[in-house]
């Protein structure tokens, strides 16, 4: 099974520096004014096809 590597995932938002939380393999910025998100891990997971 080819799982995505999480070693490149940031612990903090690259735009504002706030903490991130993970929802359904989507990283979301905790700062409501920023609203940054990343779906790379979800998009790379073959189980989600």
PDB file of N, CA and C in Angstrom:
ATOM      1  N   UNK A   1       0.851  -1.190   0.000  1.00  0.00           N
ATOM      2  CA  UNK A   1       0.000   0.000   0.000  1.00  0.00           C
ATOM      3  C   UNK A   1       0.890   1.244   0.000  1.00  0.00           C
ATOM      4  N   UNK A   2       0.561   2.206  -0.815  1.00  0.00           N
ATOM      5  CA  UNK A   2       1.362   3.414  -0.947  1.00  0.00           C
ATOM      6  C   UNK A   2       0.687   4.564  -0.220  1.00  0.00           C
ATOM      7  N   UNK A   3       1.097   4.790   1.017  1.00  0.00           N
ATOM      8  CA  UNK A   3       0.506   5.867   1.811  1.00  0.00           C
ATOM      9  C   UNK A   3       1.265   7.162   1.576  1.00  0.00           C
ATOM     10  N   UNK A   4       0.591   8.291   1.590  1.00  0.00           N
ATOM     11  CA  UNK A   4       1.286   9.567   1.408  1.00  0.00           C
ATOM     12  C   UNK A   4       2.225   9.839   2.574  1.00  0.00           C
ATOM     13  N   UNK A   5       3.316  10.506   2.276  1.00  0.00           N
ATOM     14  CA  UNK A   5       4.283  10.864   3.308  1.00  0.00           C
ATOM     15  C   UNK A   5       3.855  12.168   3.963  1.00  0.00           C
ATOM     16  N   UNK A   6       3.849  12.164   5.278  1.00  0.00           N
ATOM     17  CA  UNK A   6       3.439  13.369   6.006  1.00  0.00           C
ATOM     18  C   UNK A   6       4.650  14.179   6.471  1.00  0.00           C
ATOM     19  N   UNK A   7       5.875  13.764   6.074  1.00  0.00           N
ATOM     20  CA  UNK A   7       7.069  14.445   6.563  1.00  0.00           C
ATOM     21  C   UNK A   7       7.173  15.884   6.065  1.00  0.00           C
ATOM     22  N   UNK A   8       6.519  16.191   4.933  1.00  0.00           N
ATOM     23  CA  UNK A   8       6.568  17.546   4.399  1.00  0.00           C
ATOM     24  C   UNK A   8       5.420  18.421   4.890  1.00  0.00           C
ATOM     25  N   UNK A   9       4.493  17.847   5.640  1.00  0.00           N
ATOM     26  CA  UNK A   9       3.348  18.618   6.122  1.00  0.00           C
ATOM     27  C   UNK A   9       3.780  19.560   7.244  1.00  0.00           C
ATOM     28  N   UNK A  10       3.367  20.811   7.175  1.00  0.00           N
ATOM     29  CA  UNK A  10       3.734  21.764   8.219  1.00  0.00           C
ATOM     30  C   UNK A  10       2.881  21.583   9.471  1.00  0.00           C
ATOM     31  N   UNK A  11       3.422  22.003  10.600  1.00  0.00           N
ATOM     32  CA  UNK A  11       2.660  21.984  11.846  1.00  0.00           C
ATOM     33  C   UNK A  11       1.882  23.286  12.017  1.00  0.00           C
ATOM     34  N   UNK A  12       2.284  24.295  11.255  1.00  0.00           N
ATOM     35  CA  UNK A  12       1.659  25.612  11.359  1.00  0.00           C
ATOM     36  C   UNK A  12       1.280  26.115   9.969  1.00  0.00           C
ATOM     37  N   UNK A  13       0.296  26.959   9.915  1.00  0.00           N
ATOM     38  CA  UNK A  13      -0.176  27.521   8.651  1.00  0.00           C
ATOM     39  C   UNK A  13       0.953  28.287   7.953  1.00  0.00           C
ATOM     40  N   UNK A  14       1.216  27.982   6.676  1.00  0.00           N
ATOM     41  CA  UNK A  14       2.277  28.695   5.956  1.00  0.00           C
ATOM     42  C   UNK A  14       1.925  30.152   5.642  1.00  0.00           C
ATOM     43  N   UNK A  15       0.659  30.518   5.767  1.00  0.00           N
ATOM     44  CA  UNK A  15       0.247  31.897   5.479  1.00  0.00           C
ATOM     45  C   UNK A  15       0.269  32.791   6.709  1.00  0.00           C
ATOM     46  N   UNK A  16      -0.293  32.299   7.827  1.00  0.00           N
ATOM     47  CA  UNK A  16      -0.412  33.171   9.003  1.00  0.00           C
ATOM     48  C   UNK A  16       0.325  32.652  10.234  1.00  0.00           C
ATOM     49  N   UNK A  17       0.764  31.370  10.212  1.00  0.00           N
ATOM     50  CA  UNK A  17       1.528  30.828  11.329  1.00  0.00           C
ATOM     51  C   UNK A  17       0.691  30.217  12.437  1.00  0.00           C
ATOM     52  N   UNK A  18      -0.632  30.178  12.268  1.00  0.00           N
ATOM     53  CA  UNK A  18      -1.503  29.586  13.286  1.00  0.00           C
ATOM     54  C   UNK A  18      -1.396  28.061  13.255  1.00  0.00           C
ATOM     55  N   UNK A  19      -1.859  27.421  14.318  1.00  0.00           N
ATOM     56  CA  UNK A  19      -1.888  25.963  14.365  1.00  0.00           C
ATOM     57  C   UNK A  19      -2.831  25.418  13.301  1.00  0.00           C
ATOM     58  N   UNK A  20      -2.566  24.172  12.897  1.00  0.00           N
ATOM     59  CA  UNK A  20      -3.439  23.486  11.952  1.00  0.00           C
ATOM     60  C   UNK A  20      -4.140  22.344  12.656  1.00  0.00           C
ATOM     61  N   UNK A  21      -5.316  21.987  12.195  1.00  0.00           N
ATOM     62  CA  UNK A  21      -5.976  20.774  12.657  1.00  0.00           C
ATOM     63  C   UNK A  21      -6.382  19.960  11.446  1.00  0.00           C
ATOM     64  N   UNK A  22      -6.539  18.641  11.665  1.00  0.00           N
ATOM     65  CA  UNK A  22      -6.799  17.725  10.564  1.00  0.00           C
ATOM     66  C   UNK A  22      -8.226  17.224  10.626  1.00  0.00           C
ATOM     67  N   UNK A  23      -8.954  17.380   9.532  1.00  0.00           N
ATOM     68  CA  UNK A  23     -10.328  16.893   9.419  1.00  0.00           C
ATOM     69  C   UNK A  23     -10.423  16.085   8.133  1.00  0.00           C
ATOM     70  N   UNK A  24     -10.674  14.786   8.250  1.00  0.00           N
ATOM     71  CA  UNK A  24     -10.812  13.925   7.066  1.00  0.00           C
ATOM     72  C   UNK A  24      -9.641  14.088   6.104  1.00  0.00           C
ATOM     73  N   UNK A  25      -8.429  14.010   6.646  1.00  0.00           N
ATOM     74  CA  UNK A  25      -7.190  14.116   5.865  1.00  0.00           C
ATOM     75  C   UNK A  25      -7.051  15.455   5.149  1.00  0.00           C
ATOM     76  N   UNK A  26      -7.660  16.483   5.703  1.00  0.00           N
ATOM     77  CA  UNK A  26      -7.505  17.841   5.208  1.00  0.00           C
ATOM     78  C   UNK A  26      -6.983  18.701   6.351  1.00  0.00           C
ATOM     79  N   UNK A  27      -5.843  19.359   6.140  1.00  0.00           N
ATOM     80  CA  UNK A  27      -5.315  20.267   7.154  1.00  0.00           C
ATOM     81  C   UNK A  27      -6.017  21.614   7.002  1.00  0.00           C
ATOM     82  N   UNK A  28      -6.491  22.148   8.119  1.00  0.00           N
ATOM     83  CA  UNK A  28      -7.239  23.405   8.110  1.00  0.00           C
ATOM     84  C   UNK A  28      -6.625  24.340   9.146  1.00  0.00           C
ATOM     85  N   UNK A  29      -6.444  25.596   8.764  1.00  0.00           N
ATOM     86  CA  UNK A  29      -5.908  26.603   9.677  1.00  0.00           C
ATOM     87  C   UNK A  29      -6.940  26.935  10.753  1.00  0.00           C
ATOM     88  N   UNK A  30      -6.458  27.043  11.996  1.00  0.00           N
ATOM     89  CA  UNK A  30      -7.363  27.373  13.102  1.00  0.00           C
ATOM     90  C   UNK A  30      -7.751  28.853  13.123  1.00  0.00           C
ATOM     91  N   UNK A  31      -7.077  29.667  12.346  1.00  0.00           N
ATOM     92  CA  UNK A  31      -7.367  31.097  12.301  1.00  0.00           C
ATOM     93  C   UNK A  31      -8.556  31.338  11.368  1.00  0.00           C
ATOM     94  N   UNK A  32      -9.713  31.729  11.886  1.00  0.00           N
ATOM     95  CA  UNK A  32     -10.896  31.911  11.039  1.00  0.00           C
ATOM     96  C   UNK A  32     -10.735  33.034  10.013  1.00  0.00           C
ATOM     97  N   UNK A  33      -9.819  33.961  10.255  1.00  0.00           N
ATOM     98  CA  UNK A  33      -9.592  35.043   9.295  1.00  0.00           C
ATOM     99  C   UNK A  33      -8.707  34.599   8.136  1.00  0.00           C
ATOM    100  N   UNK A  34      -8.003  33.485   8.314  1.00  0.00           N
ATOM    101  CA  UNK A  34      -7.088  33.003   7.278  1.00  0.00           C
ATOM    102  C   UNK A  34      -7.783  31.994   6.361  1.00  0.00           C
ATOM    103  N   UNK A  35      -8.373  30.956   6.959  1.00  0.00           N
ATOM    104  CA  UNK A  35      -9.140  29.961   6.210  1.00  0.00           C
ATOM    105  C   UNK A  35      -8.304  29.152   5.217  1.00  0.00           C
ATOM    106  N   UNK A  36      -6.971  29.017   5.452  1.00  0.00           N
ATOM    107  CA  UNK A  36      -6.117  28.196   4.586  1.00  0.00           C
ATOM    108  C   UNK A  36      -6.404  26.726   4.838  1.00  0.00           C
ATOM    109  N   UNK A  37      -6.326  25.911   3.787  1.00  0.00           N
ATOM    110  CA  UNK A  37      -6.470  24.468   3.951  1.00  0.00           C
ATOM    111  C   UNK A  37      -5.623  23.756   2.909  1.00  0.00           C
ATOM    112  N   UNK A  38      -5.295  22.485   3.179  1.00  0.00           N
ATOM    113  CA  UNK A  38      -4.489  21.681   2.271  1.00  0.00           C
ATOM    114  C   UNK A  38      -5.104  20.292   2.178  1.00  0.00           C
ATOM    115  N   UNK A  39      -5.371  19.840   0.971  1.00  0.00           N
ATOM    116  CA  UNK A  39      -5.963  18.512   0.766  1.00  0.00           C
ATOM    117  C   UNK A  39      -4.974  17.550   0.118  1.00  0.00           C
ATOM    118  N   UNK A  40      -3.682  17.880   0.149  1.00  0.00           N
ATOM    119  CA  UNK A  40      -2.677  17.043  -0.520  1.00  0.00           C
ATOM    120  C   UNK A  40      -2.701  15.601  -0.035  1.00  0.00           C
ATOM    121  N   UNK A  41      -2.743  15.395   1.271  1.00  0.00           N
ATOM    122  CA  UNK A  41      -2.747  14.017   1.792  1.00  0.00           C
ATOM    123  C   UNK A  41      -4.014  13.278   1.374  1.00  0.00           C
ATOM    124  N   UNK A  42      -5.141  13.961   1.391  1.00  0.00           N
ATOM    125  CA  UNK A  42      -6.399  13.342   0.974  1.00  0.00           C
ATOM    126  C   UNK A  42      -6.354  13.014  -0.520  1.00  0.00           C
ATOM    127  N   UNK A  43      -5.831  13.942  -1.303  1.00  0.00           N
ATOM    128  CA  UNK A  43      -5.781  13.752  -2.753  1.00  0.00           C
ATOM    129  C   UNK A  43      -4.818  12.643  -3.158  1.00  0.00           C
ATOM    130  N   UNK A  44      -3.756  12.417  -2.359  1.00  0.00           N
ATOM    131  CA  UNK A  44      -2.764  11.399  -2.686  1.00  0.00           C
ATOM    132  C   UNK A  44      -3.125  10.026  -2.148  1.00  0.00           C
ATOM    133  N   UNK A  45      -4.178   9.926  -1.333  1.00  0.00           N
ATOM    134  CA  UNK A  45      -4.563   8.650  -0.724  1.00  0.00           C
ATOM    135  C   UNK A  45      -5.408   7.847  -1.707  1.00  0.00           C
ATOM    136  N   UNK A  46      -4.904   6.688  -2.177  1.00  0.00           N
ATOM    137  CA  UNK A  46      -5.653   5.907  -3.171  1.00  0.00           C
ATOM    138  C   UNK A  46      -6.972   5.350  -2.645  1.00  0.00           C
ATOM    139  N   UNK A  47      -7.135   5.264  -1.328  1.00  0.00           N
ATOM    140  CA  UNK A  47      -8.381   4.757  -0.758  1.00  0.00           C
ATOM    141  C   UNK A  47      -9.528   5.743  -0.935  1.00  0.00           C
ATOM    142  N   UNK A  48      -9.227   6.994  -1.260  1.00  0.00           N
ATOM    143  CA  UNK A  48     -10.259   8.011  -1.422  1.00  0.00           C
ATOM    144  C   UNK A  48     -10.714   8.176  -2.864  1.00  0.00           C
ATOM    145  N   UNK A  49     -10.177   7.379  -3.759  1.00  0.00           N
ATOM    146  CA  UNK A  49     -10.581   7.465  -5.172  1.00  0.00           C
ATOM    147  C   UNK A  49     -11.982   6.956  -5.384  1.00  0.00           C
TER     148      UNK A  49
END
